[in-house]
Amino acid sequence: MKKQLLVPIFLTALVGLLSIAGSFFLWVPDAFAATAASAGPVVLDAEVWKWGFITAALSTGLSSLGAAYAVGVVGTAAMGAMTEKPELFGRLLIFVGLAEGIAIYGVIISVLILDKII
């Protein structure tokens, strides 16, 4: 296997394992449902909690994967262009930053979803 592929494969496996470990906590709200009734007047069903956490995790995870792919493609093209014209660094950095913005939008959506259910 090529050495260039080891780091992306390792990072993908790490993200997958962390996602699986994080999804374990999606079914925990069933245990908290009994104590949430005394907390306030609004009590959400455990299914609402579960699907809210799933959608928040998916919006963050998928937007991060999309941003990682975009940064990889744009970063590769930017490095190729900078080898020919080093003075393009500032302009090309903007494109990489715009690609990273995809992940930030996903995190913002996740925060908005979690704000509605918590």
N, C-alpha and C. Protein backbone atom coordinates (compact mmCIF):
# COMPACT_ATOMS: atom_id res chain seq x y z
N MET A 1 0.84 -1.17 0.00
CA MET A 1 0.00 0.00 0.00
C MET A 1 0.89 1.24 0.00
N LYS A 2 0.47 2.26 -0.71
CA LYS A 2 1.25 3.48 -0.80
C LYS A 2 1.23 4.24 0.52
N LYS A 3 2.35 4.88 0.83
CA LYS A 3 2.44 5.64 2.06
C LYS A 3 1.51 6.85 2.04
N GLN A 4 1.22 7.36 0.86
CA GLN A 4 0.34 8.52 0.74
C GLN A 4 -1.09 8.18 1.17
N LEU A 5 -1.47 6.94 1.05
CA LEU A 5 -2.84 6.54 1.38
C LEU A 5 -3.01 6.16 2.84
N LEU A 6 -1.93 5.94 3.56
CA LEU A 6 -2.05 5.48 4.94
C LEU A 6 -2.69 6.52 5.85
N VAL A 7 -2.30 7.77 5.73
CA VAL A 7 -2.85 8.81 6.60
C VAL A 7 -4.34 9.02 6.33
N PRO A 8 -4.80 9.19 5.06
CA PRO A 8 -6.24 9.34 4.85
C PRO A 8 -7.05 8.12 5.29
N ILE A 9 -6.52 6.94 5.09
CA ILE A 9 -7.23 5.73 5.52
C ILE A 9 -7.32 5.69 7.04
N PHE A 10 -6.22 6.03 7.71
CA PHE A 10 -6.23 6.06 9.18
C PHE A 10 -7.22 7.10 9.69
N LEU A 11 -7.22 8.30 9.11
CA LEU A 11 -8.14 9.34 9.56
C LEU A 11 -9.59 8.96 9.30
N THR A 12 -9.86 8.32 8.17
CA THR A 12 -11.21 7.88 7.87
C THR A 12 -11.66 6.81 8.86
N ALA A 13 -10.78 5.89 9.17
CA ALA A 13 -11.12 4.85 10.15
C ALA A 13 -11.33 5.46 11.54
N LEU A 14 -10.52 6.45 11.89
CA LEU A 14 -10.68 7.11 13.19
C LEU A 14 -12.01 7.84 13.28
N VAL A 15 -12.37 8.55 12.22
CA VAL A 15 -13.66 9.25 12.20
C VAL A 15 -14.81 8.25 12.28
N GLY A 16 -14.68 7.13 11.57
CA GLY A 16 -15.71 6.11 11.63
C GLY A 16 -15.87 5.52 13.02
N LEU A 17 -14.76 5.23 13.67
CA LEU A 17 -14.84 4.67 15.02
C LEU A 17 -15.41 5.68 16.01
N LEU A 18 -15.02 6.94 15.87
CA LEU A 18 -15.57 7.96 16.76
C LEU A 18 -17.06 8.17 16.50
N SER A 19 -17.48 8.04 15.25
CA SER A 19 -18.90 8.17 14.93
C SER A 19 -19.70 7.03 15.54
N ILE A 20 -19.16 5.83 15.45
CA ILE A 20 -19.84 4.67 16.04
C ILE A 20 -19.90 4.82 17.56
N ALA A 21 -18.80 5.25 18.16
CA ALA A 21 -18.80 5.44 19.61
C ALA A 21 -19.75 6.56 20.01
N GLY A 22 -19.82 7.62 19.21
CA GLY A 22 -20.73 8.72 19.50
C GLY A 22 -22.18 8.34 19.31
N SER A 23 -22.45 7.49 18.33
CA SER A 23 -23.83 7.08 18.10
C SER A 23 -24.36 6.19 19.23
N PHE A 24 -23.46 5.62 20.01
CA PHE A 24 -23.89 4.85 21.17
C PHE A 24 -24.72 5.71 22.11
N PHE A 25 -24.37 6.98 22.21
CA PHE A 25 -25.07 7.88 23.12
C PHE A 25 -26.40 8.36 22.57
N LEU A 26 -26.73 8.00 21.35
CA LEU A 26 -28.02 8.40 20.79
C LEU A 26 -29.18 7.68 21.47
N TRP A 27 -28.92 6.52 22.01
CA TRP A 27 -29.97 5.75 22.65
C TRP A 27 -30.00 5.96 24.16
N VAL A 28 -29.14 6.80 24.68
CA VAL A 28 -29.11 7.10 26.10
C VAL A 28 -30.29 7.95 26.54
N PRO A 29 -30.88 8.85 25.72
CA PRO A 29 -32.00 9.66 26.20
C PRO A 29 -33.17 8.85 26.74
N ASP A 30 -33.30 7.58 26.37
CA ASP A 30 -34.35 6.76 26.96
C ASP A 30 -34.18 6.66 28.47
N ALA A 31 -32.95 6.62 28.93
CA ALA A 31 -32.69 6.55 30.37
C ALA A 31 -32.94 7.89 31.04
N PHE A 32 -32.74 8.99 30.32
CA PHE A 32 -32.94 10.31 30.89
C PHE A 32 -34.39 10.78 30.80
N ALA A 33 -35.23 10.07 30.09
CA ALA A 33 -36.61 10.52 29.90
C ALA A 33 -37.37 10.59 31.21
N ALA A 34 -37.08 9.70 32.15
CA ALA A 34 -37.80 9.70 33.42
C ALA A 34 -37.43 10.91 34.27
N THR A 35 -36.20 11.36 34.21
CA THR A 35 -35.80 12.50 35.03
C THR A 35 -36.12 13.83 34.37
N ALA A 36 -36.33 13.85 33.07
CA ALA A 36 -36.59 15.11 32.38
C ALA A 36 -37.99 15.64 32.68
N ALA A 37 -38.90 14.80 33.14
CA ALA A 37 -40.27 15.25 33.41
C ALA A 37 -40.30 16.26 34.55
N SER A 38 -39.43 16.12 35.51
CA SER A 38 -39.43 17.05 36.63
C SER A 38 -38.62 18.31 36.35
N ALA A 39 -37.93 18.37 35.22
CA ALA A 39 -37.06 19.50 34.93
C ALA A 39 -37.84 20.73 34.50
N GLY A 40 -38.93 20.56 33.75
CA GLY A 40 -39.66 21.72 33.27
C GLY A 40 -40.96 21.32 32.62
N PRO A 41 -41.71 22.30 32.14
CA PRO A 41 -43.02 22.00 31.58
C PRO A 41 -42.97 21.29 30.23
N VAL A 42 -41.89 21.45 29.46
CA VAL A 42 -41.81 20.84 28.14
C VAL A 42 -41.01 19.55 28.25
N VAL A 43 -41.65 18.44 27.91
CA VAL A 43 -40.99 17.15 27.94
C VAL A 43 -41.02 16.57 26.53
N LEU A 44 -39.86 16.30 25.99
CA LEU A 44 -39.78 15.73 24.66
C LEU A 44 -39.73 14.22 24.74
N ASP A 45 -40.32 13.60 23.76
CA ASP A 45 -40.30 12.15 23.67
C ASP A 45 -38.87 11.70 23.38
N ALA A 46 -38.54 10.49 23.78
CA ALA A 46 -37.20 9.96 23.55
C ALA A 46 -36.90 9.84 22.06
N GLU A 47 -37.92 9.60 21.24
CA GLU A 47 -37.71 9.52 19.80
C GLU A 47 -37.28 10.87 19.22
N VAL A 48 -37.83 11.94 19.76
CA VAL A 48 -37.46 13.27 19.29
C VAL A 48 -35.99 13.53 19.61
N TRP A 49 -35.58 13.16 20.80
CA TRP A 49 -34.18 13.32 21.18
C TRP A 49 -33.28 12.50 20.26
N LYS A 50 -33.68 11.25 20.05
CA LYS A 50 -32.85 10.36 19.25
C LYS A 50 -32.67 10.90 17.84
N TRP A 51 -33.77 11.26 17.18
CA TRP A 51 -33.67 11.74 15.81
C TRP A 51 -33.02 13.12 15.73
N GLY A 52 -33.18 13.92 16.77
CA GLY A 52 -32.49 15.21 16.81
C GLY A 52 -30.99 15.04 16.87
N PHE A 53 -30.53 14.11 17.70
CA PHE A 53 -29.09 13.86 17.79
C PHE A 53 -28.56 13.22 16.51
N ILE A 54 -29.35 12.35 15.90
CA ILE A 54 -28.92 11.73 14.64
C ILE A 54 -28.77 12.79 13.55
N THR A 55 -29.75 13.69 13.43
CA THR A 55 -29.65 14.72 12.39
C THR A 55 -28.51 15.69 12.67
N ALA A 56 -28.28 16.01 13.93
CA ALA A 56 -27.16 16.90 14.26
C ALA A 56 -25.83 16.23 13.93
N ALA A 57 -25.72 14.95 14.25
CA ALA A 57 -24.48 14.22 13.93
C ALA A 57 -24.28 14.10 12.43
N LEU A 58 -25.36 13.82 11.71
CA LEU A 58 -25.24 13.70 10.26
C LEU A 58 -24.88 15.03 9.61
N SER A 59 -25.47 16.12 10.07
CA SER A 59 -25.15 17.41 9.45
C SER A 59 -23.70 17.79 9.69
N THR A 60 -23.20 17.53 10.88
CA THR A 60 -21.79 17.83 11.15
C THR A 60 -20.87 16.87 10.41
N GLY A 61 -21.18 15.59 10.49
CA GLY A 61 -20.30 14.59 9.87
C GLY A 61 -20.23 14.69 8.37
N LEU A 62 -21.39 14.80 7.73
CA LEU A 62 -21.39 14.86 6.26
C LEU A 62 -20.82 16.17 5.74
N SER A 63 -21.08 17.27 6.44
CA SER A 63 -20.50 18.53 5.99
C SER A 63 -18.99 18.53 6.19
N SER A 64 -18.52 17.88 7.24
CA SER A 64 -17.07 17.78 7.46
C SER A 64 -16.41 16.90 6.41
N LEU A 65 -17.08 15.81 6.05
CA LEU A 65 -16.53 14.97 4.98
C LEU A 65 -16.50 15.71 3.65
N GLY A 66 -17.57 16.46 3.36
CA GLY A 66 -17.59 17.25 2.13
C GLY A 66 -16.53 18.33 2.13
N ALA A 67 -16.34 18.97 3.28
CA ALA A 67 -15.31 20.00 3.38
C ALA A 67 -13.92 19.40 3.24
N ALA A 68 -13.71 18.22 3.81
CA ALA A 68 -12.41 17.56 3.69
C ALA A 68 -12.10 17.23 2.24
N TYR A 69 -13.10 16.74 1.53
CA TYR A 69 -12.90 16.43 0.11
C TYR A 69 -12.62 17.71 -0.68
N ALA A 70 -13.39 18.77 -0.39
CA ALA A 70 -13.21 20.03 -1.11
C ALA A 70 -11.84 20.64 -0.83
N VAL A 71 -11.41 20.61 0.43
CA VAL A 71 -10.09 21.14 0.77
C VAL A 71 -9.00 20.31 0.11
N GLY A 72 -9.20 19.01 0.04
CA GLY A 72 -8.21 18.16 -0.63
C GLY A 72 -8.07 18.49 -2.10
N VAL A 73 -9.20 18.66 -2.77
CA VAL A 73 -9.15 18.96 -4.21
C VAL A 73 -8.62 20.37 -4.44
N VAL A 74 -9.17 21.34 -3.70
CA VAL A 74 -8.75 22.73 -3.90
C VAL A 74 -7.31 22.93 -3.43
N GLY A 75 -6.94 22.29 -2.33
CA GLY A 75 -5.57 22.42 -1.84
C GLY A 75 -4.55 21.84 -2.80
N THR A 76 -4.89 20.72 -3.41
CA THR A 76 -3.99 20.13 -4.39
C THR A 76 -3.81 21.04 -5.60
N ALA A 77 -4.92 21.58 -6.08
CA ALA A 77 -4.84 22.49 -7.22
C ALA A 77 -4.11 23.77 -6.84
N ALA A 78 -4.32 24.25 -5.62
CA ALA A 78 -3.64 25.47 -5.18
C ALA A 78 -2.13 25.25 -5.07
N MET A 79 -1.74 24.11 -4.55
CA MET A 79 -0.30 23.83 -4.45
C MET A 79 0.34 23.72 -5.83
N GLY A 80 -0.39 23.12 -6.76
CA GLY A 80 0.13 23.04 -8.13
C GLY A 80 0.27 24.41 -8.76
N ALA A 81 -0.69 25.28 -8.51
CA ALA A 81 -0.62 26.63 -9.07
C ALA A 81 0.47 27.45 -8.40
N MET A 82 0.69 27.23 -7.10
CA MET A 82 1.72 27.99 -6.39
C MET A 82 3.13 27.57 -6.78
N THR A 83 3.30 26.36 -7.26
CA THR A 83 4.63 25.97 -7.72
C THR A 83 5.01 26.73 -8.97
N GLU A 84 4.02 27.10 -9.77
CA GLU A 84 4.31 27.87 -10.98
C GLU A 84 4.37 29.36 -10.71
N LYS A 85 3.45 29.86 -9.84
CA LYS A 85 3.40 31.29 -9.52
C LYS A 85 3.23 31.46 -8.01
N PRO A 86 4.32 31.61 -7.28
CA PRO A 86 4.22 31.73 -5.81
C PRO A 86 3.45 32.97 -5.35
N GLU A 87 3.34 33.98 -6.19
CA GLU A 87 2.64 35.20 -5.79
C GLU A 87 1.12 35.01 -5.68
N LEU A 88 0.60 33.86 -6.08
CA LEU A 88 -0.84 33.58 -6.00
C LEU A 88 -1.27 33.05 -4.63
N PHE A 89 -0.35 33.01 -3.67
CA PHE A 89 -0.65 32.40 -2.37
C PHE A 89 -1.89 33.00 -1.71
N GLY A 90 -1.97 34.31 -1.64
CA GLY A 90 -3.09 34.97 -0.97
C GLY A 90 -4.42 34.67 -1.63
N ARG A 91 -4.45 34.69 -2.94
CA ARG A 91 -5.70 34.41 -3.66
C ARG A 91 -6.13 32.96 -3.50
N LEU A 92 -5.17 32.07 -3.52
CA LEU A 92 -5.51 30.65 -3.43
C LEU A 92 -5.90 30.25 -2.01
N LEU A 93 -5.38 30.96 -1.02
CA LEU A 93 -5.75 30.68 0.36
C LEU A 93 -7.23 30.96 0.60
N ILE A 94 -7.76 31.94 -0.11
CA ILE A 94 -9.19 32.26 0.01
C ILE A 94 -10.04 31.09 -0.45
N PHE A 95 -9.65 30.43 -1.53
CA PHE A 95 -10.43 29.30 -2.04
C PHE A 95 -10.41 28.13 -1.05
N VAL A 96 -9.28 27.89 -0.42
CA VAL A 96 -9.21 26.82 0.58
C VAL A 96 -10.08 27.18 1.79
N GLY A 97 -10.08 28.44 2.17
CA GLY A 97 -10.93 28.89 3.28
C GLY A 97 -12.40 28.76 2.96
N LEU A 98 -12.78 29.04 1.71
CA LEU A 98 -14.18 28.89 1.31
C LEU A 98 -14.60 27.42 1.36
N ALA A 99 -13.70 26.55 0.98
CA ALA A 99 -14.02 25.12 1.04
C ALA A 99 -14.18 24.67 2.49
N GLU A 100 -13.40 25.24 3.39
CA GLU A 100 -13.51 24.89 4.81
C GLU A 100 -14.80 25.42 5.42
N GLY A 101 -15.36 26.45 4.82
CA GLY A 101 -16.61 27.02 5.31
C GLY A 101 -17.76 26.04 5.28
N ILE A 102 -17.68 25.03 4.44
CA ILE A 102 -18.74 24.01 4.36
C ILE A 102 -18.90 23.32 5.71
N ALA A 103 -17.78 22.99 6.34
CA ALA A 103 -17.84 22.32 7.65
C ALA A 103 -18.41 23.25 8.71
N ILE A 104 -18.08 24.53 8.63
CA ILE A 104 -18.59 25.49 9.61
C ILE A 104 -20.10 25.61 9.49
N TYR A 105 -20.62 25.62 8.27
CA TYR A 105 -22.07 25.68 8.09
C TYR A 105 -22.75 24.45 8.68
N GLY A 106 -22.15 23.28 8.53
CA GLY A 106 -22.71 22.07 9.11
C GLY A 106 -22.75 22.12 10.63
N VAL A 107 -21.70 22.67 11.23
CA VAL A 107 -21.67 22.80 12.69
C VAL A 107 -22.73 23.79 13.16
N ILE A 108 -22.92 24.87 12.41
CA ILE A 108 -23.95 25.86 12.77
C ILE A 108 -25.33 25.22 12.72
N ILE A 109 -25.60 24.43 11.68
CA ILE A 109 -26.89 23.75 11.57
C ILE A 109 -27.07 22.77 12.74
N SER A 110 -26.01 22.08 13.11
CA SER A 110 -26.10 21.15 14.25
C SER A 110 -26.41 21.88 15.54
N VAL A 111 -25.79 23.02 15.74
CA VAL A 111 -26.07 23.81 16.95
C VAL A 111 -27.53 24.26 16.95
N LEU A 112 -28.04 24.68 15.80
CA LEU A 112 -29.44 25.09 15.73
C LEU A 112 -30.39 23.93 16.01
N ILE A 113 -30.06 22.74 15.50
CA ILE A 113 -30.90 21.56 15.77
C ILE A 113 -30.87 21.22 17.25
N LEU A 114 -29.67 21.21 17.83
CA LEU A 114 -29.55 20.87 19.25
C LEU A 114 -30.21 21.92 20.14
N ASP A 115 -30.22 23.17 19.68
CA ASP A 115 -30.88 24.22 20.45
C ASP A 115 -32.39 23.99 20.52
N LYS A 116 -32.94 23.39 19.49
CA LYS A 116 -34.38 23.13 19.48
C LYS A 116 -34.78 21.96 20.37
N ILE A 117 -33.90 20.97 20.52
CA ILE A 117 -34.30 19.78 21.27
C ILE A 117 -33.81 19.78 22.71
N ILE A 118 -32.85 20.61 23.03
CA ILE A 118 -32.31 20.60 24.40
C ILE A 118 -32.90 21.75 25.18
